[in-house]
Protein backbone atom coordinates (compact mmCIF):
# COMPACT_ATOMS: atom_id res chain seq x y z
CA MET A 1 152.97 83.12 127.62
CA ARG A 2 150.11 85.48 128.33
CA ASN A 3 147.24 86.28 125.87
CA TYR A 4 147.97 89.61 124.44
CA ALA A 5 145.99 89.29 121.15
CA TRP A 6 143.53 91.93 122.54
CA ILE A 7 146.13 94.44 121.89
CA TRP A 8 145.91 93.74 118.12
CA PHE A 9 142.12 94.13 118.04
CA ALA A 10 142.36 97.36 120.01
CA GLY A 11 144.73 98.57 117.34
CA PHE A 12 142.12 97.34 114.73
CA VAL A 13 139.39 99.28 116.38
CA ALA A 14 141.33 102.40 116.61
CA TRP A 15 142.41 102.35 113.12
CA LEU A 16 138.67 101.54 111.95
CA VAL A 17 137.55 104.73 114.00
CA ASP A 18 140.36 106.78 112.48
CA GLY A 19 139.18 105.61 108.95
CA ILE A 20 135.40 106.44 109.66
CA ILE A 21 136.43 109.85 110.96
CA SER A 22 138.60 110.52 107.85
CA LEU A 23 135.66 109.45 105.70
CA ARG A 24 133.41 111.93 107.46
CA LEU A 25 136.03 114.67 106.80
CA HIS A 26 136.30 113.82 103.22
CA SER A 27 139.96 112.80 103.33
CA MET A 28 139.78 109.75 101.19
CA GLN A 29 143.56 109.10 100.93
CA HIS A 30 143.89 108.93 104.70
CA ALA A 31 140.76 106.74 105.11
CA GLN A 32 142.11 104.09 102.58
CA LEU A 33 145.36 104.02 104.56
CA ALA A 34 143.63 103.84 107.84
CA PHE A 35 141.40 100.96 106.61
CA LEU A 36 144.35 99.14 105.14
CA VAL A 37 146.23 99.38 108.36
CA ALA A 38 143.14 98.35 110.36
CA MET A 39 143.12 95.16 108.10
CA VAL A 40 146.62 94.37 108.91
CA PHE A 41 145.99 94.69 112.65
CA LEU A 42 142.99 92.28 112.31
CA ALA A 43 145.08 89.85 110.42
CA ALA A 44 147.87 90.00 112.96
CA GLY A 45 145.35 89.65 115.85
CA LEU A 46 143.72 86.54 114.36
CA PHE A 47 147.01 85.08 113.66
CA TYR A 48 148.41 85.77 117.11
CA ARG A 49 145.21 84.35 118.59
CA ARG A 50 145.68 81.14 116.69
CA GLN A 51 149.17 80.98 117.76
CA GLN A 52 148.43 81.08 121.38
CA ARG A 53 146.19 77.90 121.14
């Protein structure tokens, strides 16, 4: 099986950037949600990478 863990990390970065933009626009609820989803993507990426080894 190929190593596709980078997709999860790309999603993490995308949601992190979205959260930062939301903070700059003073949209706190959206920023909190974006950071929460980013953490889920990070955890999934770490889990998937460990599973590959």
